[in-house]
Structure formats: C-alpha cells, structure tokens
C-alpha atoms as a PDB file:
ATOM      1  CA  UNK A   1     -14.484 -26.507   9.509  1.00  0.00           C
ATOM      2  CA  UNK A   2     -11.773 -24.152   8.539  1.00  0.00           C
ATOM      3  CA  UNK A   3      -9.360 -25.534   5.942  1.00  0.00           C
ATOM      4  CA  UNK A   4      -6.387 -24.324   4.047  1.00  0.00           C
ATOM      5  CA  UNK A   5      -7.387 -22.059   1.078  1.00  0.00           C
ATOM      6  CA  UNK A   6     -10.796 -20.963   2.418  1.00  0.00           C
ATOM      7  CA  UNK A   7     -11.727 -17.267   2.811  1.00  0.00           C
ATOM      8  CA  UNK A   8     -12.325 -16.215   6.410  1.00  0.00           C
ATOM      9  CA  UNK A   9     -13.268 -13.025   8.303  1.00  0.00           C
ATOM     10  CA  UNK A  10     -11.566 -11.959  11.559  1.00  0.00           C
ATOM     11  CA  UNK A  11     -14.055 -11.461  14.427  1.00  0.00           C
ATOM     12  CA  UNK A  12     -11.875  -9.952  17.079  1.00  0.00           C
ATOM     13  CA  UNK A  13      -8.493  -8.440  17.635  1.00  0.00           C
ATOM     14  CA  UNK A  14      -6.506  -5.722  15.990  1.00  0.00           C
ATOM     15  CA  UNK A  15      -7.466  -6.886  12.416  1.00  0.00           C
ATOM     16  CA  UNK A  16     -11.227  -7.086  13.209  1.00  0.00           C
ATOM     17  CA  UNK A  17     -13.565  -7.200  10.147  1.00  0.00           C
ATOM     18  CA  UNK A  18     -10.649  -7.998   7.738  1.00  0.00           C
ATOM     19  CA  UNK A  19     -10.894 -10.832   5.325  1.00  0.00           C
ATOM     20  CA  UNK A  20      -8.172 -13.138   3.922  1.00  0.00           C
ATOM     21  CA  UNK A  21      -7.281 -16.589   2.814  1.00  0.00           C
ATOM     22  CA  UNK A  22      -5.992 -19.329   5.152  1.00  0.00           C
ATOM     23  CA  UNK A  23      -2.411 -20.153   4.381  1.00  0.00           C
ATOM     24  CA  UNK A  24      -1.569 -22.684   7.135  1.00  0.00           C
ATOM     25  CA  UNK A  25      -3.420 -24.504   9.953  1.00  0.00           C
ATOM     26  CA  UNK A  26      -2.096 -25.820  13.278  1.00  0.00           C
ATOM     27  CA  UNK A  27      -4.696 -28.362  14.375  1.00  0.00           C
ATOM     28  CA  UNK A  28      -2.959 -29.255  17.707  1.00  0.00           C
ATOM     29  CA  UNK A  29      -3.200 -25.727  19.011  1.00  0.00           C
ATOM     30  CA  UNK A  30      -6.401 -24.674  17.133  1.00  0.00           C
ATOM     31  CA  UNK A  31      -4.687 -21.840  15.225  1.00  0.00           C
ATOM     32  CA  UNK A  32      -4.517 -20.691  11.684  1.00  0.00           C
ATOM     33  CA  UNK A  33      -2.408 -18.261   9.532  1.00  0.00           C
ATOM     34  CA  UNK A  34      -4.266 -15.846   7.260  1.00  0.00           C
ATOM     35  CA  UNK A  35      -2.640 -13.996   4.434  1.00  0.00           C
ATOM     36  CA  UNK A  36      -1.709 -10.430   5.360  1.00  0.00           C
ATOM     37  CA  UNK A  37      -3.458 -10.652   8.825  1.00  0.00           C
ATOM     38  CA  UNK A  38      -1.892 -10.395  12.251  1.00  0.00           C
ATOM     39  CA  UNK A  39       1.454  -9.214  10.874  1.00  0.00           C
ATOM     40  CA  UNK A  40       4.349  -9.245  13.294  1.00  0.00           C
ATOM     41  CA  UNK A  41       7.972  -8.036  13.052  1.00  0.00           C
ATOM     42  CA  UNK A  42      10.750 -10.617  13.175  1.00  0.00           C
ATOM     43  CA  UNK A  43      14.304  -9.659  13.907  1.00  0.00           C
ATOM     44  CA  UNK A  44      16.767 -11.822  11.928  1.00  0.00           C
ATOM     45  CA  UNK A  45      20.530 -11.831  12.601  1.00  0.00           C
ATOM     46  CA  UNK A  46      22.943 -11.629   9.698  1.00  0.00           C
ATOM     47  CA  UNK A  47      24.612 -14.830   8.684  1.00  0.00           C
ATOM     48  CA  UNK A  48      27.085 -15.677   5.968  1.00  0.00           C
ATOM     49  CA  UNK A  49      24.225 -16.859   3.639  1.00  0.00           C
ATOM     50  CA  UNK A  50      21.519 -14.347   4.555  1.00  0.00           C
ATOM     51  CA  UNK A  51      21.295 -10.625   5.190  1.00  0.00           C
ATOM     52  CA  UNK A  52      19.645  -9.731   8.492  1.00  0.00           C
ATOM     53  CA  UNK A  53      17.151  -7.109   9.385  1.00  0.00           C
ATOM     54  CA  UNK A  54      13.577  -6.689  10.498  1.00  0.00           C
ATOM     55  CA  UNK A  55      10.926  -8.632   8.505  1.00  0.00           C
ATOM     56  CA  UNK A  56       7.127  -8.674   8.659  1.00  0.00           C
ATOM     57  CA  UNK A  57       5.411 -12.027   8.582  1.00  0.00           C
ATOM     58  CA  UNK A  58       2.048 -13.551   9.408  1.00  0.00           C
ATOM     59  CA  UNK A  59       1.469 -14.920  12.903  1.00  0.00           C
ATOM     60  CA  UNK A  60      -1.126 -17.543  14.015  1.00  0.00           C
ATOM     61  CA  UNK A  61      -4.529 -16.432  15.150  1.00  0.00           C
ATOM     62  CA  UNK A  62      -7.013 -18.651  17.158  1.00  0.00           C
ATOM     63  CA  UNK A  63      -9.610 -20.408  15.093  1.00  0.00           C
ATOM     64  CA  UNK A  64     -12.422 -19.115  17.498  1.00  0.00           C
ATOM     65  CA  UNK A  65     -11.710 -15.624  16.320  1.00  0.00           C
ATOM     66  CA  UNK A  66     -12.437 -16.610  12.598  1.00  0.00           C
ATOM     67  CA  UNK A  67     -15.640 -17.019  10.627  1.00  0.00           C
ATOM     68  CA  UNK A  68     -15.875 -18.795   7.256  1.00  0.00           C
ATOM     69  CA  UNK A  69     -17.204 -16.650   4.330  1.00  0.00           C
ATOM     70  CA  UNK A  70     -19.479 -18.325   1.924  1.00  0.00           C
ATOM     71  CA  UNK A  71     -18.874 -16.611  -1.450  1.00  0.00           C
ATOM     72  CA  UNK A  72     -22.189 -18.006  -2.857  1.00  0.00           C
ATOM     73  CA  UNK A  73     -24.297 -16.477  -0.083  1.00  0.00           C
ATOM     74  CA  UNK A  74     -22.377 -13.162  -0.362  1.00  0.00           C
ATOM     75  CA  UNK A  75     -23.085 -12.882  -4.049  1.00  0.00           C
ATOM     76  CA  UNK A  76     -26.736 -13.673  -3.595  1.00  0.00           C
ATOM     77  CA  UNK A  77     -27.140 -10.863  -1.023  1.00  0.00           C
ATOM     78  CA  UNK A  78     -25.535  -8.348  -3.365  1.00  0.00           C
ATOM     79  CA  UNK A  79     -27.921  -9.398  -6.237  1.00  0.00           C
ATOM     80  CA  UNK A  80     -31.056  -8.993  -4.030  1.00  0.00           C
ATOM     81  CA  UNK A  81     -30.056  -5.574  -2.815  1.00  0.00           C
ATOM     82  CA  UNK A  82     -29.734  -4.134  -6.374  1.00  0.00           C
END
C-alpha cells in the first residue's frame, strides 16, 4: 500500500523511471502527488495580497502508475554486484 512519505518509482507517462517521495494521497480517486514529478503550470491572477504569474506545481498521478521502492532490497542488490 502506498502511503505518504514512501519512495516510489513512476512506471508510465512523461516522467517514466523517475523516483520521488509521496507528498499527498487522494484515496477517493486513487491518486497521489509525488515531489517534483508530473509538474504542471498554474496561471494565477494578481490580487491585492498576492502577485500573479505562472507557477509550477505537482499534479496528481494515478496509483496504478506507481511502484514502491524498498530501500533495503535496493541496497542489498548494490552490495552483491560489487
């Protein structure tokens, strides 16, 4: 089960084979936000309090396109190859 704070690998899409940490989970829609993955541009209108412009932020990606990374297994594979 994918949870907040776990390391995951993206299996498909424009960010295929990239790894990142889960920031947020949307269980009702089976989606997750991963740090620095699936970046989209957000156009923000200027208000009295905030300056507007174009900002980049993470967007949700479907959980079926993610794979958990087990750090323990990854480290063992590196040790055996040496």
